[in-house]
Amino acid sequence: MMYVAPANTDLLLSQAQKEDLYSKLIEQLNKDFALANEPVDFETVLSPINLKLGLQEKIYTLIQHKFAEYLNLLYITDVPEKEIKALNGGDIAELSEQVAFLILKREWQKVWFRNRY
């Protein structure tokens, strides 16, 4: 089975739940944020909407107040630089939503592959 990235955050979280990998996705997020010295403590029972909003809020705060840590987080989570550069940074709220999706997409890819192989 080939990996196909979901088109948006809601589809991604829904797919993670369907495949019983939602809690693993949250664990991966918590792990990579901790590695970036920006710990988040998302509960594995957190609803997808609260995870999505919590992640967007964290990214927003990093962009606004801790830009070096934000860049480090992108490096740790291994989000492709070209995908970040393709985003429009005009509206920080919108940007944090898009970046949250890119981070989730990358984390989901790691969890999905680890589960498959």
PDB file of N, CA and C in Angstrom:
ATOM      1  N   MET A   1       0.844  -1.195   0.000  1.00  0.00           N
ATOM      2  CA  MET A   1       0.000   0.000   0.000  1.00  0.00           C
ATOM      3  C   MET A   1       0.883   1.249   0.000  1.00  0.00           C
ATOM      4  N   MET A   2       0.613   2.151  -0.917  1.00  0.00           N
ATOM      5  CA  MET A   2       1.416   3.354  -1.035  1.00  0.00           C
ATOM      6  C   MET A   2       0.918   4.437  -0.090  1.00  0.00           C
ATOM      7  N   TYR A   3       1.858   5.228   0.438  1.00  0.00           N
ATOM      8  CA  TYR A   3       1.480   6.336   1.309  1.00  0.00           C
ATOM      9  C   TYR A   3       0.952   7.496   0.470  1.00  0.00           C
ATOM     10  N   VAL A   4      -0.237   7.966   0.823  1.00  0.00           N
ATOM     11  CA  VAL A   4      -0.802   9.154   0.178  1.00  0.00           C
ATOM     12  C   VAL A   4      -1.166  10.128   1.289  1.00  0.00           C
ATOM     13  N   ALA A   5      -0.580  11.315   1.237  1.00  0.00           N
ATOM     14  CA  ALA A   5      -0.832  12.305   2.283  1.00  0.00           C
ATOM     15  C   ALA A   5      -2.268  12.820   2.185  1.00  0.00           C
ATOM     16  N   PRO A   6      -2.956  12.901   3.320  1.00  0.00           N
ATOM     17  CA  PRO A   6      -4.304  13.480   3.322  1.00  0.00           C
ATOM     18  C   PRO A   6      -4.264  14.950   2.887  1.00  0.00           C
ATOM     19  N   ALA A   7      -5.394  15.419   2.340  1.00  0.00           N
ATOM     20  CA  ALA A   7      -5.441  16.758   1.748  1.00  0.00           C
ATOM     21  C   ALA A   7      -5.540  17.892   2.769  1.00  0.00           C
ATOM     22  N   ASN A   8      -6.030  17.599   3.980  1.00  0.00           N
ATOM     23  CA  ASN A   8      -6.126  18.648   4.993  1.00  0.00           C
ATOM     24  C   ASN A   8      -6.081  18.045   6.398  1.00  0.00           C
ATOM     25  N   THR A   9      -6.033  18.900   7.388  1.00  0.00           N
ATOM     26  CA  THR A   9      -5.888  18.466   8.774  1.00  0.00           C
ATOM     27  C   THR A   9      -7.025  17.551   9.212  1.00  0.00           C
ATOM     28  N   ASP A  10      -8.260  17.919   8.883  1.00  0.00           N
ATOM     29  CA  ASP A  10      -9.405  17.121   9.332  1.00  0.00           C
ATOM     30  C   ASP A  10      -9.367  15.705   8.746  1.00  0.00           C
ATOM     31  N   LEU A  11      -9.037  15.603   7.461  1.00  0.00           N
ATOM     32  CA  LEU A  11      -8.931  14.282   6.829  1.00  0.00           C
ATOM     33  C   LEU A  11      -7.788  13.472   7.438  1.00  0.00           C
ATOM     34  N   LEU A  12      -6.674  14.144   7.718  1.00  0.00           N
ATOM     35  CA  LEU A  12      -5.525  13.472   8.308  1.00  0.00           C
ATOM     36  C   LEU A  12      -5.884  12.892   9.672  1.00  0.00           C
ATOM     37  N   LEU A  13      -6.498  13.702  10.529  1.00  0.00           N
ATOM     38  CA  LEU A  13      -6.847  13.238  11.874  1.00  0.00           C
ATOM     39  C   LEU A  13      -7.898  12.135  11.818  1.00  0.00           C
ATOM     40  N   SER A  14      -8.809  12.248  10.873  1.00  0.00           N
ATOM     41  CA  SER A  14      -9.829  11.227  10.689  1.00  0.00           C
ATOM     42  C   SER A  14      -9.185   9.906  10.255  1.00  0.00           C
ATOM     43  N   GLN A  15      -8.236   9.982   9.329  1.00  0.00           N
ATOM     44  CA  GLN A  15      -7.538   8.781   8.867  1.00  0.00           C
ATOM     45  C   GLN A  15      -6.749   8.152  10.016  1.00  0.00           C
ATOM     46  N   ALA A  16      -6.081   8.977  10.822  1.00  0.00           N
ATOM     47  CA  ALA A  16      -5.305   8.468  11.959  1.00  0.00           C
ATOM     48  C   ALA A  16      -6.219   7.713  12.926  1.00  0.00           C
ATOM     49  N   GLN A  17      -7.421   8.240  13.134  1.00  0.00           N
ATOM     50  CA  GLN A  17      -8.374   7.568  14.019  1.00  0.00           C
ATOM     51  C   GLN A  17      -8.848   6.251  13.412  1.00  0.00           C
ATOM     52  N   LYS A  18      -9.176   6.278  12.124  1.00  0.00           N
ATOM     53  CA  LYS A  18      -9.651   5.067  11.446  1.00  0.00           C
ATOM     54  C   LYS A  18      -8.629   3.944  11.522  1.00  0.00           C
ATOM     55  N   GLU A  19      -7.352   4.315  11.432  1.00  0.00           N
ATOM     56  CA  GLU A  19      -6.295   3.300  11.438  1.00  0.00           C
ATOM     57  C   GLU A  19      -5.783   3.012  12.848  1.00  0.00           C
ATOM     58  N   ASP A  20      -6.483   3.520  13.857  1.00  0.00           N
ATOM     59  CA  ASP A  20      -6.094   3.330  15.261  1.00  0.00           C
ATOM     60  C   ASP A  20      -4.670   3.800  15.549  1.00  0.00           C
ATOM     61  N   LEU A  21      -4.271   4.872  14.890  1.00  0.00           N
ATOM     62  CA  LEU A  21      -2.926   5.415  15.096  1.00  0.00           C
ATOM     63  C   LEU A  21      -2.969   6.843  15.644  1.00  0.00           C
ATOM     64  N   TYR A  22      -4.162   7.293  16.012  1.00  0.00           N
ATOM     65  CA  TYR A  22      -4.323   8.673  16.501  1.00  0.00           C
ATOM     66  C   TYR A  22      -3.461   8.930  17.738  1.00  0.00           C
ATOM     67  N   SER A  23      -3.483   8.005  18.707  1.00  0.00           N
ATOM     68  CA  SER A  23      -2.695   8.221  19.930  1.00  0.00           C
ATOM     69  C   SER A  23      -1.198   8.191  19.619  1.00  0.00           C
ATOM     70  N   LYS A  24      -0.790   7.370  18.643  1.00  0.00           N
ATOM     71  CA  LYS A  24       0.622   7.330  18.238  1.00  0.00           C
ATOM     72  C   LYS A  24       1.036   8.651  17.579  1.00  0.00           C
ATOM     73  N   LEU A  25       0.116   9.228  16.820  1.00  0.00           N
ATOM     74  CA  LEU A  25       0.379  10.527  16.193  1.00  0.00           C
ATOM     75  C   LEU A  25       0.603  11.592  17.270  1.00  0.00           C
ATOM     76  N   ILE A  26      -0.239  11.591  18.289  1.00  0.00           N
ATOM     77  CA  ILE A  26      -0.099  12.561  19.386  1.00  0.00           C
ATOM     78  C   ILE A  26       1.212  12.322  20.135  1.00  0.00           C
ATOM     79  N   GLU A  27       1.549  11.055  20.372  1.00  0.00           N
ATOM     80  CA  GLU A  27       2.817  10.740  21.050  1.00  0.00           C
ATOM     81  C   GLU A  27       4.006  11.248  20.233  1.00  0.00           C
ATOM     82  N   GLN A  28       3.937  11.088  18.908  1.00  0.00           N
ATOM     83  CA  GLN A  28       5.014  11.569  18.033  1.00  0.00           C
ATOM     84  C   GLN A  28       5.125  13.093  18.094  1.00  0.00           C
ATOM     85  N   LEU A  29       3.992  13.781  18.091  1.00  0.00           N
ATOM     86  CA  LEU A  29       3.998  15.245  18.223  1.00  0.00           C
ATOM     87  C   LEU A  29       4.652  15.656  19.537  1.00  0.00           C
ATOM     88  N   ASN A  30       4.197  15.040  20.644  1.00  0.00           N
ATOM     89  CA  ASN A  30       4.751  15.367  21.959  1.00  0.00           C
ATOM     90  C   ASN A  30       6.258  15.134  21.988  1.00  0.00           C
ATOM     91  N   LYS A  31       6.694  14.027  21.387  1.00  0.00           N
ATOM     92  CA  LYS A  31       8.113  13.662  21.371  1.00  0.00           C
ATOM     93  C   LYS A  31       8.936  14.697  20.593  1.00  0.00           C
ATOM     94  N   ASP A  32       8.484  15.042  19.390  1.00  0.00           N
ATOM     95  CA  ASP A  32       9.260  15.978  18.567  1.00  0.00           C
ATOM     96  C   ASP A  32       9.249  17.400  19.135  1.00  0.00           C
ATOM     97  N   PHE A  33       8.136  17.808  19.726  1.00  0.00           N
ATOM     98  CA  PHE A  33       8.105  19.129  20.376  1.00  0.00           C
ATOM     99  C   PHE A  33       9.079  19.152  21.552  1.00  0.00           C
ATOM    100  N   ALA A  34       9.140  18.059  22.304  1.00  0.00           N
ATOM    101  CA  ALA A  34      10.071  17.979  23.434  1.00  0.00           C
ATOM    102  C   ALA A  34      11.516  18.035  22.937  1.00  0.00           C
ATOM    103  N   LEU A  35      11.806  17.333  21.827  1.00  0.00           N
ATOM    104  CA  LEU A  35      13.152  17.369  21.241  1.00  0.00           C
ATOM    105  C   LEU A  35      13.528  18.787  20.813  1.00  0.00           C
ATOM    106  N   ALA A  36      12.531  19.564  20.417  1.00  0.00           N
ATOM    107  CA  ALA A  36      12.770  20.949  19.989  1.00  0.00           C
ATOM    108  C   ALA A  36      12.769  21.910  21.192  1.00  0.00           C
ATOM    109  N   ASN A  37      12.731  21.349  22.401  1.00  0.00           N
ATOM    110  CA  ASN A  37      12.690  22.144  23.649  1.00  0.00           C
ATOM    111  C   ASN A  37      11.483  23.070  23.725  1.00  0.00           C
ATOM    112  N   GLU A  38      10.380  22.649  23.145  1.00  0.00           N
ATOM    113  CA  GLU A  38       9.117  23.380  23.212  1.00  0.00           C
ATOM    114  C   GLU A  38       8.028  22.382  23.589  1.00  0.00           C
ATOM    115  N   PRO A  39       8.135  21.796  24.791  1.00  0.00           N
ATOM    116  CA  PRO A  39       7.217  20.704  25.133  1.00  0.00           C
ATOM    117  C   PRO A  39       5.744  21.112  25.073  1.00  0.00           C
ATOM    118  N   VAL A  40       4.962  20.221  24.500  1.00  0.00           N
ATOM    119  CA  VAL A  40       3.509  20.323  24.542  1.00  0.00           C
ATOM    120  C   VAL A  40       3.082  19.027  25.201  1.00  0.00           C
ATOM    121  N   ASP A  41       1.978  19.050  25.865  1.00  0.00           N
ATOM    122  CA  ASP A  41       1.538  17.831  26.518  1.00  0.00           C
ATOM    123  C   ASP A  41       0.132  17.516  26.064  1.00  0.00           C
ATOM    124  N   PHE A  42       0.019  17.170  24.786  1.00  0.00           N
ATOM    125  CA  PHE A  42      -1.292  16.812  24.255  1.00  0.00           C
ATOM    126  C   PHE A  42      -1.666  15.436  24.796  1.00  0.00           C
ATOM    127  N   GLU A  43      -2.834  15.343  25.403  1.00  0.00           N
ATOM    128  CA  GLU A  43      -3.318  14.062  25.915  1.00  0.00           C
ATOM    129  C   GLU A  43      -3.699  13.184  24.723  1.00  0.00           C
ATOM    130  N   THR A  44      -3.439  11.876  24.827  1.00  0.00           N
ATOM    131  CA  THR A  44      -3.765  10.985  23.709  1.00  0.00           C
ATOM    132  C   THR A  44      -5.267  10.835  23.523  1.00  0.00           C
ATOM    133  N   VAL A  45      -6.060  11.298  24.498  1.00  0.00           N
ATOM    134  CA  VAL A  45      -7.525  11.227  24.364  1.00  0.00           C
ATOM    135  C   VAL A  45      -8.116  12.557  23.879  1.00  0.00           C
ATOM    136  N   LEU A  46      -7.246  13.515  23.571  1.00  0.00           N
ATOM    137  CA  LEU A  46      -7.695  14.826  23.103  1.00  0.00           C
ATOM    138  C   LEU A  46      -8.496  14.678  21.811  1.00  0.00           C
ATOM    139  N   SER A  47      -9.592  15.411  21.702  1.00  0.00           N
ATOM    140  CA  SER A  47     -10.396  15.330  20.478  1.00  0.00           C
ATOM    141  C   SER A  47      -9.615  15.952  19.315  1.00  0.00           C
ATOM    142  N   PRO A  48      -9.861  15.465  18.089  1.00  0.00           N
ATOM    143  CA  PRO A  48      -9.145  16.007  16.926  1.00  0.00           C
ATOM    144  C   PRO A  48      -9.255  17.527  16.804  1.00  0.00           C
ATOM    145  N   ILE A  49     -10.430  18.086  17.066  1.00  0.00           N
ATOM    146  CA  ILE A  49     -10.582  19.543  16.932  1.00  0.00           C
ATOM    147  C   ILE A  49      -9.722  20.264  17.973  1.00  0.00           C
ATOM    148  N   ASN A  50      -9.657  19.734  19.192  1.00  0.00           N
ATOM    149  CA  ASN A  50      -8.830  20.373  20.225  1.00  0.00           C
ATOM    150  C   ASN A  50      -7.338  20.201  19.951  1.00  0.00           C
ATOM    151  N   LEU A  51      -6.964  19.073  19.354  1.00  0.00           N
ATOM    152  CA  LEU A  51      -5.570  18.871  18.959  1.00  0.00           C
ATOM    153  C   LEU A  51      -5.201  19.886  17.874  1.00  0.00           C
ATOM    154  N   LYS A  52      -6.058  19.987  16.882  1.00  0.00           N
ATOM    155  CA  LYS A  52      -5.830  20.915  15.771  1.00  0.00           C
ATOM    156  C   LYS A  52      -5.682  22.349  16.282  1.00  0.00           C
ATOM    157  N   LEU A  53      -6.612  22.786  17.128  1.00  0.00           N
ATOM    158  CA  LEU A  53      -6.577  24.156  17.644  1.00  0.00           C
ATOM    159  C   LEU A  53      -5.389  24.384  18.579  1.00  0.00           C
ATOM    160  N   GLY A  54      -5.086  23.390  19.408  1.00  0.00           N
ATOM    161  CA  GLY A  54      -3.959  23.508  20.330  1.00  0.00           C
ATOM    162  C   GLY A  54      -2.635  23.615  19.586  1.00  0.00           C
ATOM    163  N   LEU A  55      -2.505  22.824  18.536  1.00  0.00           N
ATOM    164  CA  LEU A  55      -1.289  22.848  17.727  1.00  0.00           C
ATOM    165  C   LEU A  55      -1.156  24.187  17.001  1.00  0.00           C
ATOM    166  N   GLN A  56      -2.248  24.659  16.418  1.00  0.00           N
ATOM    167  CA  GLN A  56      -2.218  25.956  15.715  1.00  0.00           C
ATOM    168  C   GLN A  56      -1.846  27.089  16.671  1.00  0.00           C
ATOM    169  N   GLU A  57      -2.392  27.035  17.887  1.00  0.00           N
ATOM    170  CA  GLU A  57      -2.106  28.067  18.880  1.00  0.00           C
ATOM    171  C   GLU A  57      -0.627  28.050  19.264  1.00  0.00           C
ATOM    172  N   LYS A  58      -0.076  26.850  19.445  1.00  0.00           N
ATOM    173  CA  LYS A  58       1.339  26.703  19.804  1.00  0.00           C
ATOM    174  C   LYS A  58       2.229  27.250  18.688  1.00  0.00           C
ATOM    175  N   ILE A  59       1.923  26.913  17.448  1.00  0.00           N
ATOM    176  CA  ILE A  59       2.698  27.397  16.297  1.00  0.00           C
ATOM    177  C   ILE A  59       2.612  28.926  16.217  1.00  0.00           C
ATOM    178  N   TYR A  60       1.404  29.447  16.389  1.00  0.00           N
ATOM    179  CA  TYR A  60       1.183  30.898  16.351  1.00  0.00           C
ATOM    180  C   TYR A  60       2.088  31.592  17.376  1.00  0.00           C
ATOM    181  N   THR A  61       2.095  31.071  18.605  1.00  0.00           N
ATOM    182  CA  THR A  61       2.913  31.647  19.680  1.00  0.00           C
ATOM    183  C   THR A  61       4.395  31.580  19.336  1.00  0.00           C
ATOM    184  N   LEU A  62       4.826  30.454  18.777  1.00  0.00           N
ATOM    185  CA  LEU A  62       6.243  30.318  18.401  1.00  0.00           C
ATOM    186  C   LEU A  62       6.622  31.318  17.316  1.00  0.00           C
ATOM    187  N   ILE A  63       5.785  31.458  16.297  1.00  0.00           N
ATOM    188  CA  ILE A  63       6.077  32.400  15.206  1.00  0.00           C
ATOM    189  C   ILE A  63       6.168  33.822  15.762  1.00  0.00           C
ATOM    190  N   GLN A  64       5.229  34.171  16.647  1.00  0.00           N
ATOM    191  CA  GLN A  64       5.166  35.531  17.193  1.00  0.00           C
ATOM    192  C   GLN A  64       6.305  35.850  18.165  1.00  0.00           C
ATOM    193  N   HIS A  65       6.622  34.889  19.049  1.00  0.00           N
ATOM    194  CA  HIS A  65       7.488  35.220  20.182  1.00  0.00           C
ATOM    195  C   HIS A  65       8.797  34.436  20.260  1.00  0.00           C
ATOM    196  N   LYS A  66       8.891  33.318  19.545  1.00  0.00           N
ATOM    197  CA  LYS A  66      10.087  32.470  19.661  1.00  0.00           C
ATOM    198  C   LYS A  66      10.437  31.912  18.289  1.00  0.00           C
ATOM    199  N   PHE A  67      10.812  32.805  17.390  1.00  0.00           N
ATOM    200  CA  PHE A  67      11.005  32.400  15.998  1.00  0.00           C
ATOM    201  C   PHE A  67      12.130  31.372  15.831  1.00  0.00           C
ATOM    202  N   ALA A  68      13.228  31.522  16.571  1.00  0.00           N
ATOM    203  CA  ALA A  68      14.337  30.559  16.470  1.00  0.00           C
ATOM    204  C   ALA A  68      13.863  29.163  16.878  1.00  0.00           C
ATOM    205  N   GLU A  69      13.049  29.089  17.925  1.00  0.00           N
ATOM    206  CA  GLU A  69      12.506  27.804  18.388  1.00  0.00           C
ATOM    207  C   GLU A  69      11.543  27.225  17.354  1.00  0.00           C
ATOM    208  N   TYR A  70      10.792  28.110  16.698  1.00  0.00           N
ATOM    209  CA  TYR A  70       9.876  27.695  15.629  1.00  0.00           C
ATOM    210  C   TYR A  70      10.674  27.040  14.494  1.00  0.00           C
ATOM    211  N   LEU A  71      11.765  27.683  14.074  1.00  0.00           N
ATOM    212  CA  LEU A  71      12.604  27.132  13.007  1.00  0.00           C
ATOM    213  C   LEU A  71      13.208  25.796  13.436  1.00  0.00           C
ATOM    214  N   ASN A  72      13.628  25.714  14.684  1.00  0.00           N
ATOM    215  CA  ASN A  72      14.183  24.466  15.219  1.00  0.00           C
ATOM    216  C   ASN A  72      13.129  23.357  15.194  1.00  0.00           C
ATOM    217  N   LEU A  73      11.901  23.694  15.536  1.00  0.00           N
ATOM    218  CA  LEU A  73      10.814  22.717  15.518  1.00  0.00           C
ATOM    219  C   LEU A  73      10.599  22.182  14.097  1.00  0.00           C
ATOM    220  N   LEU A  74      10.615  23.067  13.117  1.00  0.00           N
ATOM    221  CA  LEU A  74      10.457  22.639  11.720  1.00  0.00           C
ATOM    222  C   LEU A  74      11.582  21.692  11.327  1.00  0.00           C
ATOM    223  N   TYR A  75      12.786  21.990  11.810  1.00  0.00           N
ATOM    224  CA  TYR A  75      13.937  21.142  11.524  1.00  0.00           C
ATOM    225  C   TYR A  75      13.759  19.762  12.181  1.00  0.00           C
ATOM    226  N   ILE A  76      13.392  19.752  13.464  1.00  0.00           N
ATOM    227  CA  ILE A  76      13.226  18.496  14.227  1.00  0.00           C
ATOM    228  C   ILE A  76      12.119  17.631  13.610  1.00  0.00           C
ATOM    229  N   THR A  77      10.997  18.265  13.244  1.00  0.00           N
ATOM    230  CA  THR A  77       9.887  17.485  12.684  1.00  0.00           C
ATOM    231  C   THR A  77      10.154  17.120  11.229  1.00  0.00           C
ATOM    232  N   ASP A  78      11.146  17.759  10.624  1.00  0.00           N
ATOM    233  CA  ASP A  78      11.563  17.432   9.267  1.00  0.00           C
ATOM    234  C   ASP A  78      10.521  17.830   8.223  1.00  0.00           C
ATOM    235  N   VAL A  79       9.943  19.012   8.403  1.00  0.00           N
ATOM    236  CA  VAL A  79       9.019  19.543   7.402  1.00  0.00           C
ATOM    237  C   VAL A  79       9.864  20.086   6.249  1.00  0.00           C
ATOM    238  N   PRO A  80       9.569  19.672   5.009  1.00  0.00           N
ATOM    239  CA  PRO A  80      10.369  20.143   3.869  1.00  0.00           C
ATOM    240  C   PRO A  80      10.366  21.675   3.745  1.00  0.00           C
ATOM    241  N   GLU A  81      11.566  22.227   3.625  1.00  0.00           N
ATOM    242  CA  GLU A  81      11.733  23.677   3.545  1.00  0.00           C
ATOM    243  C   GLU A  81      10.948  24.280   2.380  1.00  0.00           C
ATOM    244  N   LYS A  82      10.915  23.564   1.236  1.00  0.00           N
ATOM    245  CA  LYS A  82      10.205  24.116   0.069  1.00  0.00           C
ATOM    246  C   LYS A  82       8.703  24.253   0.349  1.00  0.00           C
ATOM    247  N   GLU A  83       8.150  23.366   1.190  1.00  0.00           N
ATOM    248  CA  GLU A  83       6.726  23.474   1.530  1.00  0.00           C
ATOM    249  C   GLU A  83       6.469  24.702   2.404  1.00  0.00           C
ATOM    250  N   ILE A  84       7.393  24.979   3.317  1.00  0.00           N
ATOM    251  CA  ILE A  84       7.269  26.167   4.184  1.00  0.00           C
ATOM    252  C   ILE A  84       7.395  27.432   3.336  1.00  0.00           C
ATOM    253  N   LYS A  85       8.376  27.447   2.434  1.00  0.00           N
ATOM    254  CA  LYS A  85       8.609  28.633   1.598  1.00  0.00           C
ATOM    255  C   LYS A  85       7.443  28.905   0.654  1.00  0.00           C
ATOM    256  N   ALA A  86       6.666  27.871   0.344  1.00  0.00           N
ATOM    257  CA  ALA A  86       5.535  28.035  -0.568  1.00  0.00           C
ATOM    258  C   ALA A  86       4.325  28.689   0.118  1.00  0.00           C
ATOM    259  N   LEU A  87       4.374  28.795   1.443  1.00  0.00           N
ATOM    260  CA  LEU A  87       3.234  29.373   2.170  1.00  0.00           C
ATOM    261  C   LEU A  87       3.266  30.899   2.112  1.00  0.00           C
ATOM    262  N   ASN A  88       2.084  31.494   2.247  1.00  0.00           N
ATOM    263  CA  ASN A  88       1.984  32.948   2.293  1.00  0.00           C
ATOM    264  C   ASN A  88       2.001  33.378   3.760  1.00  0.00           C
ATOM    265  N   GLY A  89       3.040  34.112   4.130  1.00  0.00           N
ATOM    266  CA  GLY A  89       3.188  34.505   5.532  1.00  0.00           C
ATOM    267  C   GLY A  89       2.488  35.788   5.914  1.00  0.00           C
ATOM    268  N   GLY A  90       1.608  36.297   5.055  1.00  0.00           N
ATOM    269  CA  GLY A  90       0.942  37.573   5.333  1.00  0.00           C
ATOM    270  C   GLY A  90       0.083  37.584   6.580  1.00  0.00           C
ATOM    271  N   ASP A  91      -0.690  36.547   6.790  1.00  0.00           N
ATOM    272  CA  ASP A  91      -1.582  36.460   7.941  1.00  0.00           C
ATOM    273  C   ASP A  91      -1.057  35.364   8.864  1.00  0.00           C
ATOM    274  N   ILE A  92      -0.599  35.756  10.051  1.00  0.00           N
ATOM    275  CA  ILE A  92       0.055  34.785  10.937  1.00  0.00           C
ATOM    276  C   ILE A  92      -0.905  33.693  11.409  1.00  0.00           C
ATOM    277  N   ALA A  93      -2.167  34.029  11.608  1.00  0.00           N
ATOM    278  CA  ALA A  93      -3.141  33.016  12.035  1.00  0.00           C
ATOM    279  C   ALA A  93      -3.293  31.954  10.950  1.00  0.00           C
ATOM    280  N   GLU A  94      -3.405  32.412   9.709  1.00  0.00           N
ATOM    281  CA  GLU A  94      -3.532  31.497   8.569  1.00  0.00           C
ATOM    282  C   GLU A  94      -2.242  30.696   8.382  1.00  0.00           C
ATOM    283  N   LEU A  95      -1.109  31.372   8.534  1.00  0.00           N
ATOM    284  CA  LEU A  95       0.183  30.714   8.404  1.00  0.00           C
ATOM    285  C   LEU A  95       0.330  29.615   9.455  1.00  0.00           C
ATOM    286  N   SER A  96      -0.050  29.899  10.694  1.00  0.00           N
ATOM    287  CA  SER A  96       0.100  28.876  11.737  1.00  0.00           C
ATOM    288  C   SER A  96      -0.810  27.685  11.469  1.00  0.00           C
ATOM    289  N   GLU A  97      -1.963  27.928  10.869  1.00  0.00           N
ATOM    290  CA  GLU A  97      -2.866  26.836  10.497  1.00  0.00           C
ATOM    291  C   GLU A  97      -2.209  25.957   9.428  1.00  0.00           C
ATOM    292  N   GLN A  98      -1.603  26.589   8.428  1.00  0.00           N
ATOM    293  CA  GLN A  98      -0.954  25.847   7.343  1.00  0.00           C
ATOM    294  C   GLN A  98       0.283  25.089   7.840  1.00  0.00           C
ATOM    295  N   VAL A  99       1.063  25.733   8.706  1.00  0.00           N
ATOM    296  CA  VAL A  99       2.261  25.094   9.249  1.00  0.00           C
ATOM    297  C   VAL A  99       1.869  23.923  10.149  1.00  0.00           C
ATOM    298  N   ALA A 100       0.813  24.098  10.933  1.00  0.00           N
ATOM    299  CA  ALA A 100       0.324  23.010  11.796  1.00  0.00           C
ATOM    300  C   ALA A 100      -0.027  21.800  10.929  1.00  0.00           C
ATOM    301  N   PHE A 101      -0.656  22.054   9.784  1.00  0.00           N
ATOM    302  CA  PHE A 101      -0.990  20.954   8.875  1.00  0.00           C
ATOM    303  C   PHE A 101       0.272  20.282   8.337  1.00  0.00           C
ATOM    304  N   LEU A 102       1.267  21.078   7.937  1.00  0.00           N
ATOM    305  CA  LEU A 102       2.511  20.495   7.409  1.00  0.00           C
ATOM    306  C   LEU A 102       3.207  19.643   8.472  1.00  0.00           C
ATOM    307  N   ILE A 103       3.206  20.112   9.707  1.00  0.00           N
ATOM    308  CA  ILE A 103       3.822  19.350  10.793  1.00  0.00           C
ATOM    309  C   ILE A 103       3.043  18.055  11.024  1.00  0.00           C
ATOM    310  N   LEU A 104       1.723  18.170  11.092  1.00  0.00           N
ATOM    311  CA  LEU A 104       0.892  16.967  11.280  1.00  0.00           C
ATOM    312  C   LEU A 104       1.102  15.977  10.143  1.00  0.00           C
ATOM    313  N   LYS A 105       1.177  16.506   8.926  1.00  0.00           N
ATOM    314  CA  LYS A 105       1.347  15.652   7.746  1.00  0.00           C
ATOM    315  C   LYS A 105       2.661  14.859   7.856  1.00  0.00           C
ATOM    316  N   ARG A 106       3.718  15.547   8.265  1.00  0.00           N
ATOM    317  CA  ARG A 106       5.031  14.898   8.390  1.00  0.00           C
ATOM    318  C   ARG A 106       5.024  13.887   9.538  1.00  0.00           C
ATOM    319  N   GLU A 107       4.434  14.256  10.662  1.00  0.00           N
ATOM    320  CA  GLU A 107       4.365  13.359  11.815  1.00  0.00           C
ATOM    321  C   GLU A 107       3.527  12.133  11.477  1.00  0.00           C
ATOM    322  N   TRP A 108       2.434  12.356  10.754  1.00  0.00           N
ATOM    323  CA  TRP A 108       1.571  11.255  10.357  1.00  0.00           C
ATOM    324  C   TRP A 108       2.333  10.290   9.442  1.00  0.00           C
ATOM    325  N   GLN A 109       3.121  10.836   8.529  1.00  0.00           N
ATOM    326  CA  GLN A 109       3.917  10.016   7.624  1.00  0.00           C
ATOM    327  C   GLN A 109       4.853   9.104   8.431  1.00  0.00           C
ATOM    328  N   LYS A 110       5.517   9.662   9.447  1.00  0.00           N
ATOM    329  CA  LYS A 110       6.428   8.873  10.292  1.00  0.00           C
ATOM    330  C   LYS A 110       5.667   7.743  10.984  1.00  0.00           C
ATOM    331  N   VAL A 111       4.534   8.080  11.595  1.00  0.00           N
ATOM    332  CA  VAL A 111       3.737   7.093  12.338  1.00  0.00           C
ATOM    333  C   VAL A 111       3.210   6.014  11.399  1.00  0.00           C
ATOM    334  N   TRP A 112       2.716   6.448  10.246  1.00  0.00           N
ATOM    335  CA  TRP A 112       2.135   5.520   9.266  1.00  0.00           C
ATOM    336  C   TRP A 112       3.191   4.510   8.807  1.00  0.00           C
ATOM    337  N   PHE A 113       4.392   5.023   8.426  1.00  0.00           N
ATOM    338  CA  PHE A 113       5.447   4.133   7.949  1.00  0.00           C
ATOM    339  C   PHE A 113       5.918   3.183   9.047  1.00  0.00           C
ATOM    340  N   ARG A 114       6.070   3.702  10.261  1.00  0.00           N
ATOM    341  CA  ARG A 114       6.519   2.866  11.369  1.00  0.00           C
ATOM    342  C   ARG A 114       5.522   1.737  11.619  1.00  0.00           C
ATOM    343  N   ASN A 115       4.256   2.035  11.446  1.00  0.00           N
ATOM    344  CA  ASN A 115       3.216   1.024  11.639  1.00  0.00           C
ATOM    345  C   ASN A 115       3.218  -0.017  10.533  1.00  0.00           C
ATOM    346  N   ARG A 116       3.550   0.398   9.311  1.00  0.00           N
ATOM    347  CA  ARG A 116       3.505  -0.499   8.168  1.00  0.00           C
ATOM    348  C   ARG A 116       4.734  -1.394   8.052  1.00  0.00           C
ATOM    349  N   TYR A 117       5.924  -0.838   8.385  1.00  0.00           N
ATOM    350  CA  TYR A 117       7.152  -1.559   8.038  1.00  0.00           C
ATOM    351  C   TYR A 117       7.998  -1.940   9.238  1.00  0.00           C
TER     352      TYR A 117
END
